[in-house]
Amino acid sequence: MSKTYYDPADLRKFGNITEWSEELGNKFFDYYGKVFEEGALTAREKSLIALAVAHTEQCPYCIDAYTKDGLQRGVTKEEMMEAIHVGAAIKSGATLVHGVQMMNKVNKLDG
């Protein structure tokens, strides 16, 4: 098997980020844990959102983690793929809407 830049084993080391900045690391993990508690959204819904965001952010560790988490929460492969398409549509729309900035600049410079 060929080596990749992202070592899947590194995901298990995520908790180590507190070693070099304990206070901020712990605050992050407290926040992170709170965010994923049941609330107005179920843990299943939050896992699906996290998977879509993981793809738009292109985080291989997050993709691995939330694919596994989603499967454990009963998310189907079809739901996962649909969520990824939603994320991709928003990401591409956000990119294209910034074209208005370019159009405004061109119009200003041409004017």
PDB file of N, CA and C in Angstrom:
ATOM      1  N   MET A   1       0.847  -1.179   0.000  1.00  0.00           N
ATOM      2  CA  MET A   1       0.000   0.000   0.000  1.00  0.00           C
ATOM      3  C   MET A   1       0.891   1.241   0.000  1.00  0.00           C
ATOM      4  N   SER A   2       0.550   2.183  -0.835  1.00  0.00           N
ATOM      5  CA  SER A   2       1.366   3.395  -0.916  1.00  0.00           C
ATOM      6  C   SER A   2       1.031   4.341   0.231  1.00  0.00           C
ATOM      7  N   LYS A   3       2.022   5.098   0.611  1.00  0.00           N
ATOM      8  CA  LYS A   3       1.876   6.064   1.708  1.00  0.00           C
ATOM      9  C   LYS A   3       1.228   7.335   1.157  1.00  0.00           C
ATOM     10  N   THR A   4       0.344   7.927   1.933  1.00  0.00           N
ATOM     11  CA  THR A   4      -0.275   9.188   1.540  1.00  0.00           C
ATOM     12  C   THR A   4       0.188  10.276   2.499  1.00  0.00           C
ATOM     13  N   TYR A   5      -0.022  11.502   2.110  1.00  0.00           N
ATOM     14  CA  TYR A   5       0.343  12.640   2.953  1.00  0.00           C
ATOM     15  C   TYR A   5      -0.424  12.600   4.267  1.00  0.00           C
ATOM     16  N   TYR A   6      -1.697  12.259   4.186  1.00  0.00           N
ATOM     17  CA  TYR A   6      -2.532  12.162   5.374  1.00  0.00           C
ATOM     18  C   TYR A   6      -2.510  10.727   5.866  1.00  0.00           C
ATOM     19  N   ASP A   7      -1.985  10.512   7.050  1.00  0.00           N
ATOM     20  CA  ASP A   7      -1.925   9.185   7.636  1.00  0.00           C
ATOM     21  C   ASP A   7      -3.195   8.971   8.452  1.00  0.00           C
ATOM     22  N   PRO A   8      -4.040   8.030   8.062  1.00  0.00           N
ATOM     23  CA  PRO A   8      -5.284   7.799   8.805  1.00  0.00           C
ATOM     24  C   PRO A   8      -5.059   7.569  10.305  1.00  0.00           C
ATOM     25  N   ALA A   9      -3.907   7.048  10.673  1.00  0.00           N
ATOM     26  CA  ALA A   9      -3.603   6.820  12.092  1.00  0.00           C
ATOM     27  C   ALA A   9      -3.505   8.138  12.858  1.00  0.00           C
ATOM     28  N   ASP A  10      -3.237   9.230  12.157  1.00  0.00           N
ATOM     29  CA  ASP A  10      -3.120  10.529  12.830  1.00  0.00           C
ATOM     30  C   ASP A  10      -4.440  10.997  13.430  1.00  0.00           C
ATOM     31  N   LEU A  11      -5.562  10.524  12.909  1.00  0.00           N
ATOM     32  CA  LEU A  11      -6.853  10.920  13.461  1.00  0.00           C
ATOM     33  C   LEU A  11      -6.936  10.562  14.944  1.00  0.00           C
ATOM     34  N   ARG A  12      -6.363   9.430  15.314  1.00  0.00           N
ATOM     35  CA  ARG A  12      -6.371   9.012  16.722  1.00  0.00           C
ATOM     36  C   ARG A  12      -5.520   9.933  17.590  1.00  0.00           C
ATOM     37  N   LYS A  13      -4.684  10.746  16.977  1.00  0.00           N
ATOM     38  CA  LYS A  13      -3.820  11.667  17.717  1.00  0.00           C
ATOM     39  C   LYS A  13      -4.459  13.045  17.925  1.00  0.00           C
ATOM     40  N   PHE A  14      -5.670  13.233  17.426  1.00  0.00           N
ATOM     41  CA  PHE A  14      -6.322  14.534  17.472  1.00  0.00           C
ATOM     42  C   PHE A  14      -6.372  15.091  18.897  1.00  0.00           C
ATOM     43  N   GLY A  15      -6.645  14.232  19.858  1.00  0.00           N
ATOM     44  CA  GLY A  15      -6.713  14.666  21.250  1.00  0.00           C
ATOM     45  C   GLY A  15      -5.397  15.239  21.770  1.00  0.00           C
ATOM     46  N   ASN A  16      -4.306  14.944  21.073  1.00  0.00           N
ATOM     47  CA  ASN A  16      -2.991  15.433  21.496  1.00  0.00           C
ATOM     48  C   ASN A  16      -2.804  16.928  21.263  1.00  0.00           C
ATOM     49  N   ILE A  17      -3.735  17.571  20.590  1.00  0.00           N
ATOM     50  CA  ILE A  17      -3.556  19.009  20.344  1.00  0.00           C
ATOM     51  C   ILE A  17      -3.543  19.809  21.634  1.00  0.00           C
ATOM     52  N   THR A  18      -4.011  19.206  22.710  1.00  0.00           N
ATOM     53  CA  THR A  18      -3.982  19.908  24.000  1.00  0.00           C
ATOM     54  C   THR A  18      -2.573  19.960  24.596  1.00  0.00           C
ATOM     55  N   GLU A  19      -1.668  19.127  24.099  1.00  0.00           N
ATOM     56  CA  GLU A  19      -0.330  19.052  24.676  1.00  0.00           C
ATOM     57  C   GLU A  19       0.442  20.369  24.581  1.00  0.00           C
ATOM     58  N   TRP A  20       0.283  21.094  23.526  1.00  0.00           N
ATOM     59  CA  TRP A  20       1.070  22.318  23.329  1.00  0.00           C
ATOM     60  C   TRP A  20       0.281  23.579  23.640  1.00  0.00           C
ATOM     61  N   SER A  21      -1.009  23.406  23.927  1.00  0.00           N
ATOM     62  CA  SER A  21      -1.849  24.524  24.329  1.00  0.00           C
ATOM     63  C   SER A  21      -3.047  23.940  25.064  1.00  0.00           C
ATOM     64  N   GLU A  22      -2.791  23.544  26.304  1.00  0.00           N
ATOM     65  CA  GLU A  22      -3.787  22.803  27.069  1.00  0.00           C
ATOM     66  C   GLU A  22      -5.091  23.571  27.244  1.00  0.00           C
ATOM     67  N   GLU A  23      -4.999  24.825  27.646  1.00  0.00           N
ATOM     68  CA  GLU A  23      -6.209  25.605  27.904  1.00  0.00           C
ATOM     69  C   GLU A  23      -7.073  25.735  26.656  1.00  0.00           C
ATOM     70  N   LEU A  24      -6.460  26.156  25.558  1.00  0.00           N
ATOM     71  CA  LEU A  24      -7.241  26.338  24.326  1.00  0.00           C
ATOM     72  C   LEU A  24      -7.710  25.007  23.758  1.00  0.00           C
ATOM     73  N   GLY A  25      -6.863  23.994  23.831  1.00  0.00           N
ATOM     74  CA  GLY A  25      -7.261  22.662  23.357  1.00  0.00           C
ATOM     75  C   GLY A  25      -8.461  22.140  24.123  1.00  0.00           C
ATOM     76  N   ASN A  26      -8.411  22.272  25.441  1.00  0.00           N
ATOM     77  CA  ASN A  26      -9.532  21.810  26.263  1.00  0.00           C
ATOM     78  C   ASN A  26     -10.797  22.606  25.993  1.00  0.00           C
ATOM     79  N   LYS A  27     -10.654  23.907  25.796  1.00  0.00           N
ATOM     80  CA  LYS A  27     -11.827  24.734  25.468  1.00  0.00           C
ATOM     81  C   LYS A  27     -12.435  24.303  24.144  1.00  0.00           C
ATOM     82  N   PHE A  28     -11.573  24.003  23.169  1.00  0.00           N
ATOM     83  CA  PHE A  28     -12.078  23.526  21.883  1.00  0.00           C
ATOM     84  C   PHE A  28     -12.862  22.230  22.068  1.00  0.00           C
ATOM     85  N   PHE A  29     -12.278  21.269  22.775  1.00  0.00           N
ATOM     86  CA  PHE A  29     -12.957  19.980  22.938  1.00  0.00           C
ATOM     87  C   PHE A  29     -14.235  20.102  23.756  1.00  0.00           C
ATOM     88  N   ASP A  30     -14.270  21.010  24.723  1.00  0.00           N
ATOM     89  CA  ASP A  30     -15.513  21.264  25.457  1.00  0.00           C
ATOM     90  C   ASP A  30     -16.579  21.788  24.502  1.00  0.00           C
ATOM     91  N   TYR A  31     -16.195  22.766  23.684  1.00  0.00           N
ATOM     92  CA  TYR A  31     -17.110  23.344  22.696  1.00  0.00           C
ATOM     93  C   TYR A  31     -17.576  22.285  21.701  1.00  0.00           C
ATOM     94  N   TYR A  32     -16.615  21.548  21.172  1.00  0.00           N
ATOM     95  CA  TYR A  32     -16.901  20.505  20.176  1.00  0.00           C
ATOM     96  C   TYR A  32     -17.897  19.489  20.738  1.00  0.00           C
ATOM     97  N   GLY A  33     -17.659  19.058  21.954  1.00  0.00           N
ATOM     98  CA  GLY A  33     -18.560  18.099  22.586  1.00  0.00           C
ATOM     99  C   GLY A  33     -19.952  18.660  22.778  1.00  0.00           C
ATOM    100  N   LYS A  34     -20.029  19.916  23.180  1.00  0.00           N
ATOM    101  CA  LYS A  34     -21.320  20.576  23.388  1.00  0.00           C
ATOM    102  C   LYS A  34     -22.101  20.681  22.071  1.00  0.00           C
ATOM    103  N   VAL A  35     -21.397  21.047  21.006  1.00  0.00           N
ATOM    104  CA  VAL A  35     -22.032  21.205  19.698  1.00  0.00           C
ATOM    105  C   VAL A  35     -22.704  19.910  19.249  1.00  0.00           C
ATOM    106  N   PHE A  36     -22.069  18.784  19.527  1.00  0.00           N
ATOM    107  CA  PHE A  36     -22.587  17.515  19.025  1.00  0.00           C
ATOM    108  C   PHE A  36     -23.555  16.821  19.973  1.00  0.00           C
ATOM    109  N   GLU A  37     -23.908  17.487  21.080  1.00  0.00           N
ATOM    110  CA  GLU A  37     -24.953  16.945  21.949  1.00  0.00           C
ATOM    111  C   GLU A  37     -26.302  17.077  21.263  1.00  0.00           C
ATOM    112  N   GLU A  38     -27.239  16.224  21.644  1.00  0.00           N
ATOM    113  CA  GLU A  38     -28.605  16.336  21.135  1.00  0.00           C
ATOM    114  C   GLU A  38     -29.157  17.710  21.491  1.00  0.00           C
ATOM    115  N   GLY A  39     -29.848  18.312  20.569  1.00  0.00           N
ATOM    116  CA  GLY A  39     -30.468  19.613  20.796  1.00  0.00           C
ATOM    117  C   GLY A  39     -31.649  19.720  19.856  1.00  0.00           C
ATOM    118  N   ALA A  40     -31.774  20.851  19.192  1.00  0.00           N
ATOM    119  CA  ALA A  40     -32.823  21.001  18.189  1.00  0.00           C
ATOM    120  C   ALA A  40     -32.583  20.016  17.036  1.00  0.00           C
ATOM    121  N   LEU A  41     -31.314  19.670  16.835  1.00  0.00           N
ATOM    122  CA  LEU A  41     -30.953  18.655  15.843  1.00  0.00           C
ATOM    123  C   LEU A  41     -30.536  17.383  16.572  1.00  0.00           C
ATOM    124  N   THR A  42     -30.838  16.258  15.973  1.00  0.00           N
ATOM    125  CA  THR A  42     -30.407  14.987  16.553  1.00  0.00           C
ATOM    126  C   THR A  42     -28.919  14.783  16.281  1.00  0.00           C
ATOM    127  N   ALA A  43     -28.315  13.889  17.034  1.00  0.00           N
ATOM    128  CA  ALA A  43     -26.910  13.553  16.807  1.00  0.00           C
ATOM    129  C   ALA A  43     -26.729  12.991  15.400  1.00  0.00           C
ATOM    130  N   ARG A  44     -27.718  12.270  14.905  1.00  0.00           N
ATOM    131  CA  ARG A  44     -27.677  11.711  13.542  1.00  0.00           C
ATOM    132  C   ARG A  44     -27.649  12.840  12.506  1.00  0.00           C
ATOM    133  N   GLU A  45     -28.516  13.829  12.684  1.00  0.00           N
ATOM    134  CA  GLU A  45     -28.557  14.967  11.759  1.00  0.00           C
ATOM    135  C   GLU A  45     -27.239  15.739  11.789  1.00  0.00           C
ATOM    136  N   LYS A  46     -26.712  15.929  12.994  1.00  0.00           N
ATOM    137  CA  LYS A  46     -25.445  16.652  13.132  1.00  0.00           C
ATOM    138  C   LYS A  46     -24.304  15.891  12.471  1.00  0.00           C
ATOM    139  N   SER A  47     -24.330  14.582  12.571  1.00  0.00           N
ATOM    140  CA  SER A  47     -23.301  13.757  11.936  1.00  0.00           C
ATOM    141  C   SER A  47     -23.354  13.908  10.414  1.00  0.00           C
ATOM    142  N   LEU A  48     -24.549  13.955   9.873  1.00  0.00           N
ATOM    143  CA  LEU A  48     -24.721  14.115   8.422  1.00  0.00           C
ATOM    144  C   LEU A  48     -24.254  15.496   7.968  1.00  0.00           C
ATOM    145  N   ILE A  49     -24.564  16.524   8.734  1.00  0.00           N
ATOM    146  CA  ILE A  49     -24.076  17.874   8.434  1.00  0.00           C
ATOM    147  C   ILE A  49     -22.550  17.892   8.492  1.00  0.00           C
ATOM    148  N   ALA A  50     -22.001  17.283   9.536  1.00  0.00           N
ATOM    149  CA  ALA A  50     -20.543  17.244   9.684  1.00  0.00           C
ATOM    150  C   ALA A  50     -19.886  16.542   8.497  1.00  0.00           C
ATOM    151  N   LEU A  51     -20.504  15.495   7.994  1.00  0.00           N
ATOM    152  CA  LEU A  51     -19.950  14.784   6.847  1.00  0.00           C
ATOM    153  C   LEU A  51     -19.940  15.681   5.606  1.00  0.00           C
ATOM    154  N   ALA A  52     -21.026  16.403   5.383  1.00  0.00           N
ATOM    155  CA  ALA A  52     -21.083  17.301   4.220  1.00  0.00           C
ATOM    156  C   ALA A  52     -20.034  18.402   4.342  1.00  0.00           C
ATOM    157  N   VAL A  53     -19.905  18.995   5.524  1.00  0.00           N
ATOM    158  CA  VAL A  53     -18.909  20.045   5.744  1.00  0.00           C
ATOM    159  C   VAL A  53     -17.500  19.478   5.602  1.00  0.00           C
ATOM    160  N   ALA A  54     -17.300  18.261   6.085  1.00  0.00           N
ATOM    161  CA  ALA A  54     -15.981  17.618   5.953  1.00  0.00           C
ATOM    162  C   ALA A  54     -15.557  17.548   4.493  1.00  0.00           C
ATOM    163  N   HIS A  55     -16.511  17.311   3.624  1.00  0.00           N
ATOM    164  CA  HIS A  55     -16.205  17.253   2.188  1.00  0.00           C
ATOM    165  C   HIS A  55     -15.945  18.641   1.608  1.00  0.00           C
ATOM    166  N   THR A  56     -16.742  19.629   1.985  1.00  0.00           N
ATOM    167  CA  THR A  56     -16.503  20.968   1.430  1.00  0.00           C
ATOM    168  C   THR A  56     -15.192  21.537   1.939  1.00  0.00           C
ATOM    169  N   GLU A  57     -14.795  21.140   3.158  1.00  0.00           N
ATOM    170  CA  GLU A  57     -13.515  21.588   3.722  1.00  0.00           C
ATOM    171  C   GLU A  57     -12.359  20.684   3.296  1.00  0.00           C
ATOM    172  N   GLN A  58     -12.703  19.582   2.666  1.00  0.00           N
ATOM    173  CA  GLN A  58     -11.731  18.604   2.160  1.00  0.00           C
ATOM    174  C   GLN A  58     -10.805  18.094   3.260  1.00  0.00           C
ATOM    175  N   CYS A  59     -11.398  17.699   4.368  1.00  0.00           N
ATOM    176  CA  CYS A  59     -10.645  17.177   5.509  1.00  0.00           C
ATOM    177  C   CYS A  59     -10.749  15.648   5.521  1.00  0.00           C
ATOM    178  N   PRO A  60      -9.697  14.955   5.105  1.00  0.00           N
ATOM    179  CA  PRO A  60      -9.784  13.492   5.044  1.00  0.00           C
ATOM    180  C   PRO A  60     -10.024  12.847   6.405  1.00  0.00           C
ATOM    181  N   TYR A  61      -9.482  13.453   7.465  1.00  0.00           N
ATOM    182  CA  TYR A  61      -9.704  12.902   8.801  1.00  0.00           C
ATOM    183  C   TYR A  61     -11.180  13.013   9.174  1.00  0.00           C
ATOM    184  N   CYS A  62     -11.762  14.160   8.901  1.00  0.00           N
ATOM    185  CA  CYS A  62     -13.178  14.389   9.206  1.00  0.00           C
ATOM    186  C   CYS A  62     -14.070  13.486   8.361  1.00  0.00           C
ATOM    187  N   ILE A  63     -13.700  13.308   7.100  1.00  0.00           N
ATOM    188  CA  ILE A  63     -14.475  12.424   6.216  1.00  0.00           C
ATOM    189  C   ILE A  63     -14.479  11.012   6.796  1.00  0.00           C
ATOM    190  N   ASP A  64     -13.308  10.519   7.191  1.00  0.00           N
ATOM    191  CA  ASP A  64     -13.238   9.182   7.794  1.00  0.00           C
ATOM    192  C   ASP A  64     -14.076   9.118   9.067  1.00  0.00           C
ATOM    193  N   ALA A  65     -13.904  10.105   9.932  1.00  0.00           N
ATOM    194  CA  ALA A  65     -14.586  10.086  11.230  1.00  0.00           C
ATOM    195  C   ALA A  65     -16.100  10.152  11.077  1.00  0.00           C
ATOM    196  N   TYR A  66     -16.597  11.038  10.214  1.00  0.00           N
ATOM    197  CA  TYR A  66     -18.047  11.214  10.113  1.00  0.00           C
ATOM    198  C   TYR A  66     -18.712  10.232   9.164  1.00  0.00           C
ATOM    199  N   THR A  67     -17.947   9.574   8.317  1.00  0.00           N
ATOM    200  CA  THR A  67     -18.500   8.442   7.566  1.00  0.00           C
ATOM    201  C   THR A  67     -18.783   7.314   8.552  1.00  0.00           C
ATOM    202  N   LYS A  68     -17.795   7.009   9.379  1.00  0.00           N
ATOM    203  CA  LYS A  68     -17.959   5.952  10.378  1.00  0.00           C
ATOM    204  C   LYS A  68     -19.066   6.304  11.371  1.00  0.00           C
ATOM    205  N   ASP A  69     -19.048   7.545  11.865  1.00  0.00           N
ATOM    206  CA  ASP A  69     -20.059   7.984  12.829  1.00  0.00           C
ATOM    207  C   ASP A  69     -21.462   7.899  12.224  1.00  0.00           C
ATOM    208  N   GLY A  70     -21.592   8.354  10.986  1.00  0.00           N
ATOM    209  CA  GLY A  70     -22.896   8.308  10.325  1.00  0.00           C
ATOM    210  C   GLY A  70     -23.418   6.890  10.176  1.00  0.00           C
ATOM    211  N   LEU A  71     -22.546   5.985   9.758  1.00  0.00           N
ATOM    212  CA  LEU A  71     -22.962   4.588   9.618  1.00  0.00           C
ATOM    213  C   LEU A  71     -23.417   4.029  10.962  1.00  0.00           C
ATOM    214  N   GLN A  72     -22.688   4.375  12.025  1.00  0.00           N
ATOM    215  CA  GLN A  72     -23.064   3.903  13.360  1.00  0.00           C
ATOM    216  C   GLN A  72     -24.398   4.481  13.811  1.00  0.00           C
ATOM    217  N   ARG A  73     -24.770   5.631  13.264  1.00  0.00           N
ATOM    218  CA  ARG A  73     -26.030   6.277  13.634  1.00  0.00           C
ATOM    219  C   ARG A  73     -27.160   5.943  12.656  1.00  0.00           C
ATOM    220  N   GLY A  74     -26.894   5.027  11.728  1.00  0.00           N
ATOM    221  CA  GLY A  74     -27.932   4.586  10.807  1.00  0.00           C
ATOM    222  C   GLY A  74     -28.104   5.432   9.567  1.00  0.00           C
ATOM    223  N   VAL A  75     -27.156   6.314   9.288  1.00  0.00           N
ATOM    224  CA  VAL A  75     -27.221   7.112   8.060  1.00  0.00           C
ATOM    225  C   VAL A  75     -26.908   6.188   6.883  1.00  0.00           C
ATOM    226  N   THR A  76     -27.726   6.258   5.850  1.00  0.00           N
ATOM    227  CA  THR A  76     -27.519   5.389   4.694  1.00  0.00           C
ATOM    228  C   THR A  76     -26.503   6.003   3.729  1.00  0.00           C
ATOM    229  N   LYS A  77     -25.961   5.184   2.862  1.00  0.00           N
ATOM    230  CA  LYS A  77     -25.004   5.692   1.870  1.00  0.00           C
ATOM    231  C   LYS A  77     -25.684   6.684   0.928  1.00  0.00           C
ATOM    232  N   GLU A  78     -26.964   6.480   0.670  1.00  0.00           N
ATOM    233  CA  GLU A  78     -27.688   7.422  -0.189  1.00  0.00           C
ATOM    234  C   GLU A  78     -27.845   8.776   0.495  1.00  0.00           C
ATOM    235  N   GLU A  79     -28.143   8.764   1.788  1.00  0.00           N
ATOM    236  CA  GLU A  79     -28.246  10.021   2.541  1.00  0.00           C
ATOM    237  C   GLU A  79     -26.896  10.727   2.592  1.00  0.00           C
ATOM    238  N   MET A  80     -25.829   9.947   2.786  1.00  0.00           N
ATOM    239  CA  MET A  80     -24.497  10.534   2.799  1.00  0.00           C
ATOM    240  C   MET A  80     -24.183  11.219   1.485  1.00  0.00           C
ATOM    241  N   MET A  81     -24.429  10.532   0.385  1.00  0.00           N
ATOM    242  CA  MET A  81     -24.112  11.110  -0.920  1.00  0.00           C
ATOM    243  C   MET A  81     -24.972  12.334  -1.204  1.00  0.00           C
ATOM    244  N   GLU A  82     -26.231  12.288  -0.824  1.00  0.00           N
ATOM    245  CA  GLU A  82     -27.103  13.449  -1.030  1.00  0.00           C
ATOM    246  C   GLU A  82     -26.597  14.645  -0.219  1.00  0.00           C
ATOM    247  N   ALA A  83     -26.178  14.394   1.014  1.00  0.00           N
ATOM    248  CA  ALA A  83     -25.641  15.471   1.851  1.00  0.00           C
ATOM    249  C   ALA A  83     -24.386  16.062   1.215  1.00  0.00           C
ATOM    250  N   ILE A  84     -23.536  15.215   0.660  1.00  0.00           N
ATOM    251  CA  ILE A  84     -22.318  15.694  -0.003  1.00  0.00           C
ATOM    252  C   ILE A  84     -22.681  16.564  -1.197  1.00  0.00           C
ATOM    253  N   HIS A  85     -23.705  16.166  -1.940  1.00  0.00           N
ATOM    254  CA  HIS A  85     -24.143  16.984  -3.080  1.00  0.00           C
ATOM    255  C   HIS A  85     -24.700  18.333  -2.617  1.00  0.00           C
ATOM    256  N   VAL A  86     -25.409  18.346  -1.496  1.00  0.00           N
ATOM    257  CA  VAL A  86     -25.895  19.616  -0.948  1.00  0.00           C
ATOM    258  C   VAL A  86     -24.705  20.513  -0.619  1.00  0.00           C
ATOM    259  N   GLY A  87     -23.713  19.950   0.063  1.00  0.00           N
ATOM    260  CA  GLY A  87     -22.514  20.719   0.389  1.00  0.00           C
ATOM    261  C   GLY A  87     -21.812  21.235  -0.852  1.00  0.00           C
ATOM    262  N   ALA A  88     -21.702  20.376  -1.865  1.00  0.00           N
ATOM    263  CA  ALA A  88     -21.037  20.776  -3.111  1.00  0.00           C
ATOM    264  C   ALA A  88     -21.806  21.885  -3.819  1.00  0.00           C
ATOM    265  N   ALA A  89     -23.131  21.805  -3.797  1.00  0.00           N
ATOM    266  CA  ALA A  89     -23.951  22.841  -4.436  1.00  0.00           C
ATOM    267  C   ALA A  89     -23.768  24.184  -3.741  1.00  0.00           C
ATOM    268  N   ILE A  90     -23.752  24.170  -2.419  1.00  0.00           N
ATOM    269  CA  ILE A  90     -23.558  25.415  -1.673  1.00  0.00           C
ATOM    270  C   ILE A  90     -22.167  25.974  -1.926  1.00  0.00           C
ATOM    271  N   LYS A  91     -21.152  25.103  -1.904  1.00  0.00           N
ATOM    272  CA  LYS A  91     -19.766  25.540  -2.132  1.00  0.00           C
ATOM    273  C   LYS A  91     -19.619  26.135  -3.534  1.00  0.00           C
ATOM    274  N   SER A  92     -20.181  25.468  -4.542  1.00  0.00           N
ATOM    275  CA  SER A  92     -20.054  25.990  -5.910  1.00  0.00           C
ATOM    276  C   SER A  92     -20.878  27.265  -6.079  1.00  0.00           C
ATOM    277  N   GLY A  93     -22.060  27.317  -5.462  1.00  0.00           N
ATOM    278  CA  GLY A  93     -22.862  28.538  -5.535  1.00  0.00           C
ATOM    279  C   GLY A  93     -22.160  29.708  -4.878  1.00  0.00           C
ATOM    280  N   ALA A  94     -21.527  29.447  -3.742  1.00  0.00           N
ATOM    281  CA  ALA A  94     -20.787  30.505  -3.045  1.00  0.00           C
ATOM    282  C   ALA A  94     -19.623  30.998  -3.898  1.00  0.00           C
ATOM    283  N   THR A  95     -18.982  30.090  -4.601  1.00  0.00           N
ATOM    284  CA  THR A  95     -17.893  30.477  -5.505  1.00  0.00           C
ATOM    285  C   THR A  95     -18.429  31.327  -6.648  1.00  0.00           C
ATOM    286  N   LEU A  96     -19.506  30.874  -7.260  1.00  0.00           N
ATOM    287  CA  LEU A  96     -20.060  31.590  -8.420  1.00  0.00           C
ATOM    288  C   LEU A  96     -20.645  32.946  -8.053  1.00  0.00           C
ATOM    289  N   VAL A  97     -21.286  33.051  -6.883  1.00  0.00           N
ATOM    290  CA  VAL A  97     -21.867  34.335  -6.503  1.00  0.00           C
ATOM    291  C   VAL A  97     -20.776  35.386  -6.308  1.00  0.00           C
ATOM    292  N   HIS A  98     -19.561  34.947  -5.987  1.00  0.00           N
ATOM    293  CA  HIS A  98     -18.456  35.896  -5.897  1.00  0.00           C
ATOM    294  C   HIS A  98     -18.088  36.459  -7.266  1.00  0.00           C
ATOM    295  N   GLY A  99     -18.601  35.837  -8.309  1.00  0.00           N
ATOM    296  CA  GLY A  99     -18.433  36.385  -9.657  1.00  0.00           C
ATOM    297  C   GLY A  99     -19.048  37.766  -9.780  1.00  0.00           C
ATOM    298  N   VAL A 100     -20.039  38.051  -8.944  1.00  0.00           N
ATOM    299  CA  VAL A 100     -20.650  39.384  -8.936  1.00  0.00           C
ATOM    300  C   VAL A 100     -19.597  40.422  -8.544  1.00  0.00           C
ATOM    301  N   GLN A 101     -18.715  40.074  -7.603  1.00  0.00           N
ATOM    302  CA  GLN A 101     -17.636  40.983  -7.220  1.00  0.00           C
ATOM    303  C   GLN A 101     -16.761  41.310  -8.423  1.00  0.00           C
ATOM    304  N   MET A 102     -16.424  40.263  -9.187  1.00  0.00           N
ATOM    305  CA  MET A 102     -15.605  40.458 -10.385  1.00  0.00           C
ATOM    306  C   MET A 102     -16.349  41.323 -11.404  1.00  0.00           C
ATOM    307  N   MET A 103     -17.619  41.035 -11.580  1.00  0.00           N
ATOM    308  CA  MET A 103     -18.412  41.806 -12.543  1.00  0.00           C
ATOM    309  C   MET A 103     -18.479  43.281 -12.129  1.00  0.00           C
ATOM    310  N   ASN A 104     -18.694  43.523 -10.834  1.00  0.00           N
ATOM    311  CA  ASN A 104     -18.725  44.901 -10.330  1.00  0.00           C
ATOM    312  C   ASN A 104     -17.403  45.601 -10.597  1.00  0.00           C
ATOM    313  N   LYS A 105     -16.295  44.916 -10.355  1.00  0.00           N
ATOM    314  CA  LYS A 105     -14.972  45.500 -10.558  1.00  0.00           C
ATOM    315  C   LYS A 105     -14.733  45.808 -12.035  1.00  0.00           C
ATOM    316  N   VAL A 106     -15.094  44.854 -12.902  1.00  0.00           N
ATOM    317  CA  VAL A 106     -14.935  45.085 -14.341  1.00  0.00           C
ATOM    318  C   VAL A 106     -15.775  46.286 -14.782  1.00  0.00           C
ATOM    319  N   ASN A 107     -17.018  46.332 -14.335  1.00  0.00           N
ATOM    320  CA  ASN A 107     -17.894  47.452 -14.703  1.00  0.00           C
ATOM    321  C   ASN A 107     -17.342  48.787 -14.204  1.00  0.00           C
ATOM    322  N   LYS A 108     -16.768  48.787 -12.999  1.00  0.00           N
ATOM    323  CA  LYS A 108     -16.182  49.995 -12.438  1.00  0.00           C
ATOM    324  C   LYS A 108     -14.956  50.438 -13.240  1.00  0.00           C
ATOM    325  N   LEU A 109     -14.096  49.474 -13.599  1.00  0.00           N
ATOM    326  CA  LEU A 109     -12.899  49.790 -14.361  1.00  0.00           C
ATOM    327  C   LEU A 109     -13.204  50.164 -15.806  1.00  0.00           C
ATOM    328  N   ASP A 110     -14.248  49.583 -16.380  1.00  0.00           N
ATOM    329  CA  ASP A 110     -14.652  49.908 -17.754  1.00  0.00           C
ATOM    330  C   ASP A 110     -15.376  51.241 -17.844  1.00  0.00           C
ATOM    331  N   GLY A 111     -15.988  51.653 -16.711  1.00  0.00           N
ATOM    332  CA  GLY A 111     -16.845  52.838 -16.679  1.00  0.00           C
ATOM    333  C   GLY A 111     -16.086  54.071 -16.751  1.00  0.00           C
TER     334      GLY A 111
END
